[in-house]
Amino acid sequence: MHHQPVRRSFALVALVTTLAACGAGAAPTPSPGPTLRPTPTPIVARVASPGDAAALVIATNPIFAGTMELRPDVIGASRWWTAMPLASGGYRVELTVGWGDCPAGCIERHVWTFDVDASGSVKLVSETGDPVPSDLPA
């Protein structure tokens, strides 16, 4: 009968040791938090110049990347824009993309005309010219 308390003590020590070993060094697993999703914020662009209007138009289509303001001293440009003020306070932006021997003036061209109002709204007015190739050179 004297052996019962020893066995219980041994069993208790074994149990405590096992539990301590299982929990030792284990950090609590954090529960996953809510997934944060960005909320789109409307961008208000104040159009104060022809360059502002052209920048908004250029941002509407990857084909327009690299377009610069038309300047008489630049030869060989394949993408350029011009702008004129509208009575409403915005600008009409004409954007030209050319290809095919542009150092000589571009054999083929496509022209987009946009109206950009003073608050930054961009509206396509017309599109003319040669069909734009799917493999348009940069």
N, C-alpha and C. Protein backbone atom coordinates (compact mmCIF):
# COMPACT_ATOMS: atom_id res chain seq x y z
N MET A 1 0.80 -1.17 0.00
CA MET A 1 0.00 0.00 0.00
C MET A 1 0.86 1.25 0.00
N HIS A 2 2.03 1.10 0.44
CA HIS A 2 2.95 2.22 0.48
C HIS A 2 3.35 2.65 -0.93
N HIS A 3 3.19 1.80 -1.92
CA HIS A 3 3.59 2.07 -3.31
C HIS A 3 2.59 2.94 -4.05
N GLN A 4 1.33 3.01 -3.61
CA GLN A 4 0.29 3.81 -4.28
C GLN A 4 0.67 5.29 -4.33
N PRO A 5 1.03 5.95 -3.24
CA PRO A 5 1.37 7.37 -3.31
C PRO A 5 2.58 7.63 -4.22
N VAL A 6 3.52 6.75 -4.27
CA VAL A 6 4.70 6.93 -5.12
C VAL A 6 4.28 6.86 -6.58
N ARG A 7 3.45 5.89 -6.92
CA ARG A 7 2.98 5.76 -8.30
C ARG A 7 2.19 7.00 -8.72
N ARG A 8 1.32 7.48 -7.81
CA ARG A 8 0.54 8.67 -8.14
C ARG A 8 1.45 9.88 -8.32
N SER A 9 2.41 10.04 -7.49
CA SER A 9 3.36 11.15 -7.60
C SER A 9 4.13 11.06 -8.90
N PHE A 10 4.56 9.83 -9.23
CA PHE A 10 5.30 9.63 -10.47
C PHE A 10 4.41 9.94 -11.67
N ALA A 11 3.18 9.49 -11.63
CA ALA A 11 2.24 9.73 -12.73
C ALA A 11 1.96 11.23 -12.85
N LEU A 12 1.82 11.92 -11.73
CA LEU A 12 1.57 13.36 -11.75
C LEU A 12 2.75 14.12 -12.32
N VAL A 13 3.96 13.75 -11.93
CA VAL A 13 5.18 14.39 -12.45
C VAL A 13 5.30 14.12 -13.94
N ALA A 14 5.01 12.93 -14.39
CA ALA A 14 5.09 12.58 -15.82
C ALA A 14 4.08 13.40 -16.62
N LEU A 15 2.88 13.55 -16.06
CA LEU A 15 1.85 14.31 -16.74
C LEU A 15 2.23 15.79 -16.85
N VAL A 16 2.70 16.38 -15.77
CA VAL A 16 3.11 17.78 -15.76
C VAL A 16 4.27 17.99 -16.71
N THR A 17 5.24 17.09 -16.73
CA THR A 17 6.40 17.20 -17.62
C THR A 17 5.96 17.12 -19.08
N THR A 18 5.07 16.23 -19.39
CA THR A 18 4.58 16.08 -20.76
C THR A 18 3.83 17.32 -21.22
N LEU A 19 2.98 17.84 -20.37
CA LEU A 19 2.23 19.03 -20.72
C LEU A 19 3.16 20.23 -20.90
N ALA A 20 4.14 20.36 -20.04
CA ALA A 20 5.09 21.47 -20.14
C ALA A 20 5.90 21.37 -21.42
N ALA A 21 6.28 20.16 -21.79
CA ALA A 21 7.09 19.96 -23.00
C ALA A 21 6.27 20.28 -24.25
N CYS A 22 5.01 19.95 -24.24
CA CYS A 22 4.16 20.21 -25.40
C CYS A 22 3.94 21.71 -25.58
N GLY A 23 3.84 22.41 -24.49
CA GLY A 23 3.55 23.84 -24.58
C GLY A 23 4.79 24.71 -24.60
N ALA A 24 5.95 24.17 -24.30
CA ALA A 24 7.16 24.99 -24.20
C ALA A 24 7.57 25.50 -25.56
N GLY A 25 7.80 26.78 -25.64
CA GLY A 25 8.31 27.38 -26.88
C GLY A 25 7.25 27.54 -27.95
N ALA A 26 6.09 27.07 -27.74
CA ALA A 26 5.05 27.20 -28.75
C ALA A 26 4.31 28.51 -28.53
N ALA A 27 4.40 29.36 -29.49
CA ALA A 27 3.69 30.63 -29.40
C ALA A 27 2.24 30.40 -29.76
N PRO A 28 1.38 31.14 -29.15
CA PRO A 28 -0.03 30.97 -29.51
C PRO A 28 -0.24 31.33 -30.98
N THR A 29 -1.05 30.57 -31.64
CA THR A 29 -1.34 30.81 -33.05
C THR A 29 -2.35 31.95 -33.15
N PRO A 30 -1.94 33.03 -33.80
CA PRO A 30 -2.88 34.14 -33.90
C PRO A 30 -4.02 33.79 -34.86
N SER A 31 -5.17 34.23 -34.52
CA SER A 31 -6.29 34.00 -35.41
C SER A 31 -6.20 34.99 -36.56
N PRO A 32 -6.56 34.56 -37.75
CA PRO A 32 -6.44 35.48 -38.88
C PRO A 32 -7.38 36.67 -38.70
N GLY A 33 -6.85 37.83 -39.01
CA GLY A 33 -7.64 39.06 -38.91
C GLY A 33 -8.43 39.28 -40.18
N PRO A 34 -9.18 40.31 -40.22
CA PRO A 34 -9.95 40.60 -41.43
C PRO A 34 -9.02 40.98 -42.57
N THR A 35 -9.40 40.59 -43.77
CA THR A 35 -8.62 40.95 -44.95
C THR A 35 -8.94 42.39 -45.31
N LEU A 36 -7.89 43.20 -45.36
CA LEU A 36 -8.08 44.60 -45.69
C LEU A 36 -8.08 44.76 -47.20
N ARG A 37 -9.06 45.40 -47.71
CA ARG A 37 -9.16 45.66 -49.14
C ARG A 37 -9.13 47.17 -49.36
N PRO A 38 -8.29 47.60 -50.32
CA PRO A 38 -8.24 49.04 -50.56
C PRO A 38 -9.57 49.54 -51.11
N THR A 39 -9.94 50.69 -50.68
CA THR A 39 -11.15 51.32 -51.19
C THR A 39 -10.74 52.37 -52.20
N PRO A 40 -11.23 52.24 -53.44
CA PRO A 40 -10.84 53.24 -54.43
C PRO A 40 -11.30 54.63 -54.01
N THR A 41 -10.41 55.56 -54.15
CA THR A 41 -10.72 56.94 -53.83
C THR A 41 -10.81 57.71 -55.13
N PRO A 42 -11.90 58.38 -55.38
CA PRO A 42 -11.99 59.16 -56.61
C PRO A 42 -10.91 60.22 -56.64
N ILE A 43 -10.30 60.36 -57.78
CA ILE A 43 -9.25 61.35 -57.93
C ILE A 43 -9.84 62.56 -58.66
N VAL A 44 -9.72 63.68 -58.04
CA VAL A 44 -10.18 64.91 -58.67
C VAL A 44 -8.95 65.59 -59.25
N ALA A 45 -8.95 65.72 -60.56
CA ALA A 45 -7.82 66.35 -61.23
C ALA A 45 -8.24 67.71 -61.74
N ARG A 46 -7.62 68.71 -61.26
CA ARG A 46 -7.92 70.07 -61.71
C ARG A 46 -7.11 70.30 -62.98
N VAL A 47 -7.77 70.66 -64.05
CA VAL A 47 -7.11 70.87 -65.33
C VAL A 47 -6.87 72.37 -65.50
N ALA A 48 -5.61 72.77 -65.34
CA ALA A 48 -5.27 74.19 -65.38
C ALA A 48 -4.42 74.56 -66.59
N SER A 49 -4.06 73.54 -67.41
CA SER A 49 -3.20 73.84 -68.55
C SER A 49 -3.40 72.78 -69.63
N PRO A 50 -2.94 73.08 -70.85
CA PRO A 50 -3.01 72.06 -71.90
C PRO A 50 -2.23 70.79 -71.52
N GLY A 51 -1.11 70.97 -70.82
CA GLY A 51 -0.32 69.81 -70.37
C GLY A 51 -1.08 68.93 -69.39
N ASP A 52 -1.85 69.56 -68.49
CA ASP A 52 -2.68 68.78 -67.56
C ASP A 52 -3.69 67.94 -68.33
N ALA A 53 -4.35 68.56 -69.30
CA ALA A 53 -5.36 67.86 -70.10
C ALA A 53 -4.72 66.72 -70.88
N ALA A 54 -3.58 66.98 -71.50
CA ALA A 54 -2.89 65.94 -72.28
C ALA A 54 -2.46 64.78 -71.39
N ALA A 55 -1.98 65.07 -70.20
CA ALA A 55 -1.56 64.00 -69.27
C ALA A 55 -2.73 63.08 -68.93
N LEU A 56 -3.90 63.65 -68.73
CA LEU A 56 -5.08 62.82 -68.44
C LEU A 56 -5.44 61.94 -69.64
N VAL A 57 -5.36 62.49 -70.84
CA VAL A 57 -5.65 61.71 -72.04
C VAL A 57 -4.63 60.60 -72.21
N ILE A 58 -3.36 60.91 -72.06
CA ILE A 58 -2.28 59.93 -72.23
C ILE A 58 -2.46 58.76 -71.26
N ALA A 59 -2.96 59.04 -70.07
CA ALA A 59 -3.15 57.99 -69.06
C ALA A 59 -4.31 57.05 -69.40
N THR A 60 -5.11 57.36 -70.40
CA THR A 60 -6.27 56.52 -70.72
C THR A 60 -5.94 55.30 -71.54
N ASN A 61 -4.76 55.25 -72.18
CA ASN A 61 -4.47 54.14 -73.08
C ASN A 61 -2.96 53.90 -73.14
N PRO A 62 -2.52 52.65 -72.95
CA PRO A 62 -1.07 52.37 -73.00
C PRO A 62 -0.43 52.72 -74.35
N ILE A 63 -1.20 52.74 -75.41
CA ILE A 63 -0.65 53.12 -76.72
C ILE A 63 -0.12 54.55 -76.70
N PHE A 64 -0.69 55.38 -75.83
CA PHE A 64 -0.31 56.78 -75.77
C PHE A 64 0.96 57.04 -74.96
N ALA A 65 1.50 56.02 -74.31
CA ALA A 65 2.70 56.20 -73.48
C ALA A 65 3.83 56.80 -74.32
N GLY A 66 4.50 57.78 -73.77
CA GLY A 66 5.62 58.41 -74.45
C GLY A 66 5.22 59.55 -75.37
N THR A 67 3.94 59.88 -75.39
CA THR A 67 3.48 60.99 -76.24
C THR A 67 3.97 62.32 -75.67
N MET A 68 4.44 63.18 -76.56
CA MET A 68 4.93 64.48 -76.12
C MET A 68 4.21 65.59 -76.88
N GLU A 69 4.31 66.79 -76.37
CA GLU A 69 3.70 67.93 -77.05
C GLU A 69 4.40 68.14 -78.40
N LEU A 70 3.61 68.41 -79.44
CA LEU A 70 4.16 68.68 -80.76
C LEU A 70 5.00 69.95 -80.71
N ARG A 71 6.24 69.82 -81.18
CA ARG A 71 7.15 70.96 -81.23
C ARG A 71 7.80 71.00 -82.61
N PRO A 72 7.93 72.17 -83.19
CA PRO A 72 8.49 72.26 -84.54
C PRO A 72 9.97 71.86 -84.62
N ASP A 73 10.69 71.90 -83.50
CA ASP A 73 12.11 71.58 -83.53
C ASP A 73 12.40 70.09 -83.33
N VAL A 74 11.36 69.25 -83.19
CA VAL A 74 11.55 67.81 -83.00
C VAL A 74 11.26 67.10 -84.30
N ILE A 75 12.21 66.30 -84.74
CA ILE A 75 12.05 65.53 -85.98
C ILE A 75 12.01 64.05 -85.63
N GLY A 76 11.10 63.32 -86.24
CA GLY A 76 11.06 61.87 -86.07
C GLY A 76 10.16 61.38 -84.95
N ALA A 77 9.40 62.28 -84.31
CA ALA A 77 8.49 61.84 -83.24
C ALA A 77 7.39 60.97 -83.83
N SER A 78 7.00 59.94 -83.08
CA SER A 78 5.93 59.06 -83.55
C SER A 78 4.65 59.24 -82.74
N ARG A 79 4.71 59.99 -81.64
CA ARG A 79 3.53 60.24 -80.79
C ARG A 79 3.58 61.68 -80.31
N TRP A 80 2.53 62.43 -80.62
CA TRP A 80 2.50 63.83 -80.18
C TRP A 80 1.06 64.27 -79.95
N TRP A 81 0.96 65.37 -79.19
CA TRP A 81 -0.35 65.94 -78.91
C TRP A 81 -0.34 67.44 -79.13
N THR A 82 -1.52 67.97 -79.43
CA THR A 82 -1.76 69.40 -79.46
C THR A 82 -3.02 69.65 -78.64
N ALA A 83 -3.20 70.86 -78.16
CA ALA A 83 -4.39 71.17 -77.37
C ALA A 83 -4.82 72.60 -77.64
N MET A 84 -6.13 72.80 -77.58
CA MET A 84 -6.66 74.16 -77.69
C MET A 84 -7.75 74.34 -76.64
N PRO A 85 -7.87 75.55 -76.11
CA PRO A 85 -8.86 75.78 -75.06
C PRO A 85 -10.29 75.68 -75.59
N LEU A 86 -11.17 75.20 -74.73
CA LEU A 86 -12.61 75.15 -75.02
C LEU A 86 -13.29 76.29 -74.28
N ALA A 87 -14.41 76.73 -74.78
CA ALA A 87 -15.15 77.83 -74.15
C ALA A 87 -15.58 77.47 -72.73
N SER A 88 -15.76 76.16 -72.47
CA SER A 88 -16.22 75.71 -71.16
C SER A 88 -15.12 75.72 -70.10
N GLY A 89 -13.90 76.01 -70.50
CA GLY A 89 -12.80 76.05 -69.54
C GLY A 89 -11.88 74.85 -69.61
N GLY A 90 -12.22 73.86 -70.39
CA GLY A 90 -11.36 72.69 -70.56
C GLY A 90 -10.50 72.84 -71.80
N TYR A 91 -10.08 71.68 -72.35
CA TYR A 91 -9.23 71.68 -73.54
C TYR A 91 -9.65 70.57 -74.48
N ARG A 92 -9.49 70.81 -75.77
CA ARG A 92 -9.62 69.76 -76.78
C ARG A 92 -8.20 69.29 -77.07
N VAL A 93 -7.96 68.01 -76.86
CA VAL A 93 -6.63 67.43 -77.06
C VAL A 93 -6.68 66.51 -78.26
N GLU A 94 -5.79 66.77 -79.21
CA GLU A 94 -5.68 65.90 -80.38
C GLU A 94 -4.38 65.13 -80.22
N LEU A 95 -4.47 63.82 -80.19
CA LEU A 95 -3.31 62.97 -79.97
C LEU A 95 -3.08 62.12 -81.21
N THR A 96 -1.87 62.18 -81.74
CA THR A 96 -1.52 61.46 -82.97
C THR A 96 -0.47 60.39 -82.64
N VAL A 97 -0.71 59.19 -83.17
CA VAL A 97 0.27 58.12 -83.09
C VAL A 97 0.60 57.74 -84.53
N GLY A 98 1.88 57.79 -84.85
CA GLY A 98 2.31 57.46 -86.21
C GLY A 98 3.26 56.28 -86.22
N TRP A 99 3.42 55.68 -87.37
CA TRP A 99 4.35 54.55 -87.53
C TRP A 99 4.74 54.48 -89.00
N GLY A 100 5.79 53.77 -89.27
CA GLY A 100 6.27 53.63 -90.64
C GLY A 100 7.10 54.82 -91.08
N ASP A 101 8.40 54.76 -90.90
CA ASP A 101 9.36 55.79 -91.31
C ASP A 101 9.06 57.15 -90.69
N CYS A 102 8.97 57.19 -89.37
CA CYS A 102 8.68 58.45 -88.68
C CYS A 102 9.79 59.50 -88.80
N PRO A 103 11.06 59.12 -88.97
CA PRO A 103 12.05 60.18 -89.20
C PRO A 103 11.71 61.01 -90.44
N ALA A 104 10.96 60.40 -91.37
CA ALA A 104 10.54 61.14 -92.57
C ALA A 104 9.12 61.70 -92.43
N GLY A 105 8.51 61.58 -91.24
CA GLY A 105 7.18 62.15 -91.02
C GLY A 105 6.08 61.15 -90.75
N CYS A 106 6.36 59.88 -90.64
CA CYS A 106 5.41 58.79 -90.39
C CYS A 106 4.50 58.58 -91.60
N ILE A 107 4.60 57.43 -92.19
CA ILE A 107 3.79 57.09 -93.36
C ILE A 107 2.33 56.91 -92.97
N GLU A 108 2.08 56.28 -91.84
CA GLU A 108 0.72 56.03 -91.37
C GLU A 108 0.51 56.72 -90.03
N ARG A 109 -0.74 57.14 -89.80
CA ARG A 109 -1.08 57.86 -88.56
C ARG A 109 -2.50 57.54 -88.16
N HIS A 110 -2.71 57.63 -86.85
CA HIS A 110 -4.07 57.54 -86.30
C HIS A 110 -4.21 58.70 -85.32
N VAL A 111 -5.36 59.37 -85.37
CA VAL A 111 -5.57 60.56 -84.55
C VAL A 111 -6.82 60.38 -83.70
N TRP A 112 -6.65 60.64 -82.40
CA TRP A 112 -7.76 60.64 -81.45
C TRP A 112 -7.98 62.07 -81.00
N THR A 113 -9.24 62.47 -80.88
CA THR A 113 -9.58 63.81 -80.39
C THR A 113 -10.41 63.65 -79.13
N PHE A 114 -9.98 64.31 -78.07
CA PHE A 114 -10.64 64.24 -76.77
C PHE A 114 -10.99 65.63 -76.29
N ASP A 115 -12.11 65.71 -75.56
CA ASP A 115 -12.41 66.93 -74.81
C ASP A 115 -12.17 66.60 -73.34
N VAL A 116 -11.45 67.48 -72.67
CA VAL A 116 -11.15 67.34 -71.25
C VAL A 116 -11.72 68.56 -70.55
N ASP A 117 -12.67 68.33 -69.63
CA ASP A 117 -13.25 69.50 -68.96
C ASP A 117 -12.38 69.91 -67.77
N ALA A 118 -12.70 71.05 -67.19
CA ALA A 118 -11.87 71.64 -66.13
C ALA A 118 -11.77 70.75 -64.90
N SER A 119 -12.73 69.83 -64.71
CA SER A 119 -12.67 68.94 -63.54
C SER A 119 -11.91 67.65 -63.83
N GLY A 120 -11.44 67.47 -65.08
CA GLY A 120 -10.63 66.30 -65.41
C GLY A 120 -11.37 65.19 -66.12
N SER A 121 -12.62 65.39 -66.45
CA SER A 121 -13.38 64.37 -67.19
C SER A 121 -12.88 64.33 -68.63
N VAL A 122 -12.60 63.10 -69.12
CA VAL A 122 -12.06 62.92 -70.47
C VAL A 122 -13.12 62.24 -71.33
N LYS A 123 -13.38 62.82 -72.51
CA LYS A 123 -14.40 62.26 -73.41
C LYS A 123 -13.82 62.17 -74.82
N LEU A 124 -13.88 60.96 -75.41
CA LEU A 124 -13.44 60.77 -76.79
C LEU A 124 -14.46 61.42 -77.71
N VAL A 125 -13.98 62.32 -78.59
CA VAL A 125 -14.85 63.04 -79.52
C VAL A 125 -14.82 62.37 -80.89
N SER A 126 -13.63 62.01 -81.35
CA SER A 126 -13.51 61.36 -82.66
C SER A 126 -12.20 60.59 -82.76
N GLU A 127 -12.16 59.75 -83.79
CA GLU A 127 -10.98 58.92 -84.07
C GLU A 127 -10.90 58.81 -85.59
N THR A 128 -9.75 59.10 -86.16
CA THR A 128 -9.59 59.03 -87.61
C THR A 128 -8.21 58.48 -87.94
N GLY A 129 -8.05 58.08 -89.19
CA GLY A 129 -6.73 57.69 -89.68
C GLY A 129 -6.63 56.22 -90.00
N ASP A 130 -5.38 55.81 -90.20
CA ASP A 130 -5.09 54.43 -90.54
C ASP A 130 -5.41 53.50 -89.37
N PRO A 131 -5.82 52.25 -89.65
CA PRO A 131 -6.05 51.29 -88.57
C PRO A 131 -4.75 51.09 -87.77
N VAL A 132 -4.88 51.08 -86.47
CA VAL A 132 -3.70 50.91 -85.62
C VAL A 132 -3.31 49.44 -85.60
N PRO A 133 -2.08 49.13 -85.96
CA PRO A 133 -1.64 47.72 -85.98
C PRO A 133 -1.55 47.17 -84.54
N SER A 134 -1.83 45.88 -84.41
CA SER A 134 -1.76 45.25 -83.08
C SER A 134 -0.33 45.19 -82.56
N ASP A 135 0.64 45.21 -83.45
CA ASP A 135 2.06 45.18 -83.05
C ASP A 135 2.71 46.55 -83.24
N LEU A 136 1.99 47.59 -82.87
CA LEU A 136 2.47 48.96 -83.01
C LEU A 136 3.82 49.11 -82.32
N PRO A 137 4.83 49.60 -83.05
CA PRO A 137 6.14 49.79 -82.41
C PRO A 137 6.06 50.85 -81.32
N ALA A 138 6.89 50.68 -80.30
CA ALA A 138 6.91 51.63 -79.18
C ALA A 138 7.58 52.92 -79.57
